[in-house]
């Protein structure tokens, strides 16, 4: 017999992560500093625009690392 309790926990975790991502996407435009931090690269020329949110990516990475650390901590 296959133990489905582990699979069920993974499905619940994936669903919770998807709900959190949906909420973030829904309210992302209401976070004024998101994507406009010092260190974000923004170059605009006549026919060219380049944008890479370096600091925003670093902060999001740190937050996700802390969240996943506490989720997986036993």
N, C-alpha and C. Protein backbone atom coordinates (compact mmCIF):
# COMPACT_ATOMS: atom_id res chain seq x y z
N UNK A 1 0.84 -1.18 0.00
CA UNK A 1 0.00 0.00 0.00
C UNK A 1 0.88 1.24 0.00
N UNK A 2 0.53 2.22 -0.77
CA UNK A 2 1.30 3.46 -0.89
C UNK A 2 0.84 4.44 0.19
N UNK A 3 1.82 5.06 0.84
CA UNK A 3 1.52 6.07 1.87
C UNK A 3 1.23 7.40 1.18
N UNK A 4 -0.01 7.79 1.15
CA UNK A 4 -0.43 9.00 0.45
C UNK A 4 -0.38 10.25 1.32
N UNK A 5 -0.08 10.11 2.61
CA UNK A 5 -0.06 11.28 3.48
C UNK A 5 1.08 12.23 3.09
N UNK A 6 2.21 11.68 2.66
CA UNK A 6 3.32 12.53 2.22
C UNK A 6 2.98 13.27 0.95
N UNK A 7 2.33 12.60 0.02
CA UNK A 7 1.91 13.22 -1.23
C UNK A 7 0.88 14.31 -0.95
N UNK A 8 -0.04 14.04 -0.04
CA UNK A 8 -1.06 15.03 0.30
C UNK A 8 -0.43 16.29 0.90
N UNK A 9 0.58 16.12 1.74
CA UNK A 9 1.26 17.28 2.33
C UNK A 9 1.96 18.11 1.27
N UNK A 10 2.58 17.45 0.32
CA UNK A 10 3.26 18.17 -0.76
C UNK A 10 2.25 18.94 -1.60
N UNK A 11 1.11 18.33 -1.91
CA UNK A 11 0.08 19.00 -2.70
C UNK A 11 -0.47 20.21 -1.95
N UNK A 12 -0.68 20.07 -0.65
CA UNK A 12 -1.16 21.19 0.16
C UNK A 12 -0.12 22.31 0.19
N UNK A 13 1.16 21.97 0.34
CA UNK A 13 2.23 22.97 0.35
C UNK A 13 2.31 23.70 -0.98
N UNK A 14 2.25 22.96 -2.08
CA UNK A 14 2.30 23.58 -3.41
C UNK A 14 1.09 24.50 -3.61
N UNK A 15 -0.07 24.06 -3.16
CA UNK A 15 -1.27 24.90 -3.27
C UNK A 15 -1.14 26.17 -2.45
N UNK A 16 -0.60 26.07 -1.23
CA UNK A 16 -0.41 27.25 -0.39
C UNK A 16 0.58 28.23 -1.03
N UNK A 17 1.63 27.70 -1.62
CA UNK A 17 2.62 28.56 -2.29
C UNK A 17 1.98 29.25 -3.49
N UNK A 18 1.15 28.54 -4.24
CA UNK A 18 0.48 29.15 -5.38
C UNK A 18 -0.48 30.24 -4.95
N UNK A 19 -1.19 30.03 -3.84
CA UNK A 19 -2.09 31.07 -3.32
C UNK A 19 -1.29 32.30 -2.92
N UNK A 20 -0.16 32.11 -2.23
CA UNK A 20 0.68 33.25 -1.84
C UNK A 20 1.21 33.99 -3.06
N UNK A 21 1.63 33.25 -4.08
CA UNK A 21 2.12 33.89 -5.30
C UNK A 21 1.00 34.68 -5.99
N UNK A 22 -0.20 34.14 -6.00
CA UNK A 22 -1.34 34.85 -6.59
C UNK A 22 -1.65 36.13 -5.85
N UNK A 23 -1.58 36.10 -4.53
CA UNK A 23 -1.82 37.31 -3.74
C UNK A 23 -0.74 38.34 -4.01
N UNK A 24 0.51 37.90 -4.11
CA UNK A 24 1.61 38.83 -4.40
C UNK A 24 1.41 39.48 -5.76
N UNK A 25 1.06 38.68 -6.77
CA UNK A 25 0.84 39.23 -8.11
C UNK A 25 -0.35 40.18 -8.11
N UNK A 26 -1.37 39.86 -7.37
CA UNK A 26 -2.57 40.69 -7.31
C UNK A 26 -2.28 42.06 -6.70
N UNK A 27 -1.45 42.09 -5.66
CA UNK A 27 -1.19 43.33 -4.95
C UNK A 27 0.19 43.93 -5.25
N UNK A 28 0.90 43.41 -6.24
CA UNK A 28 2.26 43.88 -6.54
C UNK A 28 2.27 45.35 -6.97
N UNK A 29 1.24 45.80 -7.67
CA UNK A 29 1.23 47.19 -8.11
C UNK A 29 0.97 48.16 -6.96
N UNK A 30 0.52 47.66 -5.82
CA UNK A 30 0.26 48.52 -4.66
C UNK A 30 1.46 48.63 -3.73
N UNK A 31 2.53 47.89 -4.02
CA UNK A 31 3.76 47.99 -3.24
C UNK A 31 4.66 48.99 -3.97
N UNK A 32 4.76 50.24 -3.49
CA UNK A 32 5.42 51.28 -4.26
C UNK A 32 6.92 51.09 -4.44
N UNK A 33 7.59 50.46 -3.51
CA UNK A 33 9.04 50.32 -3.60
C UNK A 33 9.47 49.10 -4.42
N UNK A 34 8.55 48.20 -4.70
CA UNK A 34 8.89 46.97 -5.42
C UNK A 34 9.31 47.29 -6.85
N UNK A 35 10.55 47.00 -7.18
CA UNK A 35 11.06 47.25 -8.52
C UNK A 35 11.66 48.63 -8.71
N UNK A 36 11.69 49.43 -7.65
CA UNK A 36 12.24 50.78 -7.76
C UNK A 36 13.26 51.06 -6.66
N UNK A 37 14.01 50.04 -6.28
CA UNK A 37 14.99 50.18 -5.23
C UNK A 37 16.31 50.71 -5.78
N UNK A 38 17.11 51.35 -4.94
CA UNK A 38 18.47 51.72 -5.37
C UNK A 38 19.24 50.44 -5.71
N UNK A 39 19.88 50.43 -6.82
CA UNK A 39 20.59 49.24 -7.27
C UNK A 39 19.89 48.53 -8.40
N UNK A 40 18.63 48.85 -8.64
CA UNK A 40 17.93 48.31 -9.79
C UNK A 40 18.43 49.03 -11.04
N UNK A 41 18.71 48.27 -12.08
CA UNK A 41 19.28 48.84 -13.30
C UNK A 41 18.15 49.21 -14.25
N UNK A 42 18.14 50.46 -14.67
CA UNK A 42 17.13 50.96 -15.60
C UNK A 42 17.83 51.86 -16.61
N UNK A 43 17.85 51.42 -17.86
CA UNK A 43 18.49 52.18 -18.94
C UNK A 43 17.44 52.45 -20.00
N UNK A 44 17.25 53.71 -20.33
CA UNK A 44 16.27 54.07 -21.36
C UNK A 44 16.96 54.92 -22.41
N UNK A 45 16.87 54.46 -23.64
CA UNK A 45 17.42 55.18 -24.79
C UNK A 45 16.26 55.52 -25.72
N UNK A 46 16.61 56.01 -26.87
CA UNK A 46 15.60 56.43 -27.83
C UNK A 46 14.64 55.31 -28.23
N UNK A 47 15.19 54.17 -28.68
CA UNK A 47 14.36 53.05 -29.12
C UNK A 47 14.61 51.79 -28.29
N UNK A 48 15.11 51.97 -27.09
CA UNK A 48 15.53 50.82 -26.31
C UNK A 48 15.33 51.10 -24.83
N UNK A 49 14.77 50.13 -24.13
CA UNK A 49 14.63 50.23 -22.68
C UNK A 49 15.08 48.90 -22.07
N UNK A 50 15.98 48.98 -21.09
CA UNK A 50 16.47 47.80 -20.39
C UNK A 50 16.23 48.00 -18.91
N UNK A 51 15.61 47.01 -18.27
CA UNK A 51 15.33 47.10 -16.85
C UNK A 51 15.65 45.76 -16.20
N UNK A 52 16.48 45.78 -15.18
CA UNK A 52 16.79 44.58 -14.42
C UNK A 52 16.80 44.93 -12.94
N UNK A 53 15.83 44.44 -12.18
CA UNK A 53 15.71 44.80 -10.76
C UNK A 53 16.65 43.98 -9.88
N UNK A 54 17.92 44.33 -9.85
CA UNK A 54 18.93 43.57 -9.13
C UNK A 54 18.61 43.52 -7.63
N UNK A 55 18.44 44.66 -7.00
CA UNK A 55 18.21 44.70 -5.56
C UNK A 55 16.86 44.08 -5.19
N UNK A 56 15.87 44.28 -6.02
CA UNK A 56 14.57 43.67 -5.76
C UNK A 56 14.70 42.14 -5.79
N UNK A 57 15.45 41.61 -6.75
CA UNK A 57 15.66 40.16 -6.83
C UNK A 57 16.40 39.64 -5.60
N UNK A 58 17.40 40.40 -5.14
CA UNK A 58 18.16 39.98 -3.96
C UNK A 58 17.25 39.96 -2.72
N UNK A 59 16.45 40.99 -2.53
CA UNK A 59 15.56 41.04 -1.36
C UNK A 59 14.51 39.94 -1.42
N UNK A 60 13.92 39.71 -2.58
CA UNK A 60 12.94 38.63 -2.72
C UNK A 60 13.60 37.28 -2.46
N UNK A 61 14.83 37.09 -2.93
CA UNK A 61 15.55 35.84 -2.69
C UNK A 61 15.82 35.63 -1.20
N UNK A 62 16.21 36.68 -0.50
CA UNK A 62 16.46 36.57 0.94
C UNK A 62 15.17 36.23 1.68
N UNK A 63 14.08 36.91 1.33
CA UNK A 63 12.80 36.63 1.98
C UNK A 63 12.34 35.20 1.74
N UNK A 64 12.46 34.72 0.51
CA UNK A 64 12.06 33.35 0.21
C UNK A 64 12.96 32.34 0.91
N UNK A 65 14.26 32.64 1.01
CA UNK A 65 15.18 31.74 1.72
C UNK A 65 14.80 31.63 3.20
N UNK A 66 14.47 32.74 3.83
CA UNK A 66 14.07 32.72 5.23
C UNK A 66 12.75 31.96 5.40
N UNK A 67 11.80 32.20 4.51
CA UNK A 67 10.51 31.49 4.60
C UNK A 67 10.71 29.98 4.44
N UNK A 68 11.47 29.57 3.43
CA UNK A 68 11.67 28.15 3.22
C UNK A 68 12.53 27.52 4.32
N UNK A 69 13.42 28.30 4.93
CA UNK A 69 14.19 27.79 6.06
C UNK A 69 13.26 27.43 7.21
N UNK A 70 12.32 28.31 7.53
CA UNK A 70 11.41 28.02 8.63
C UNK A 70 10.39 26.95 8.29
N UNK A 71 10.04 26.82 7.01
CA UNK A 71 9.11 25.75 6.61
C UNK A 71 9.78 24.39 6.75
N UNK A 72 11.05 24.28 6.35
CA UNK A 72 11.74 22.99 6.35
C UNK A 72 12.44 22.70 7.67
N UNK A 73 12.53 23.65 8.57
CA UNK A 73 13.18 23.44 9.85
C UNK A 73 12.36 22.45 10.68
N UNK A 74 13.05 21.52 11.29
CA UNK A 74 12.35 20.51 12.10
C UNK A 74 12.73 20.64 13.53
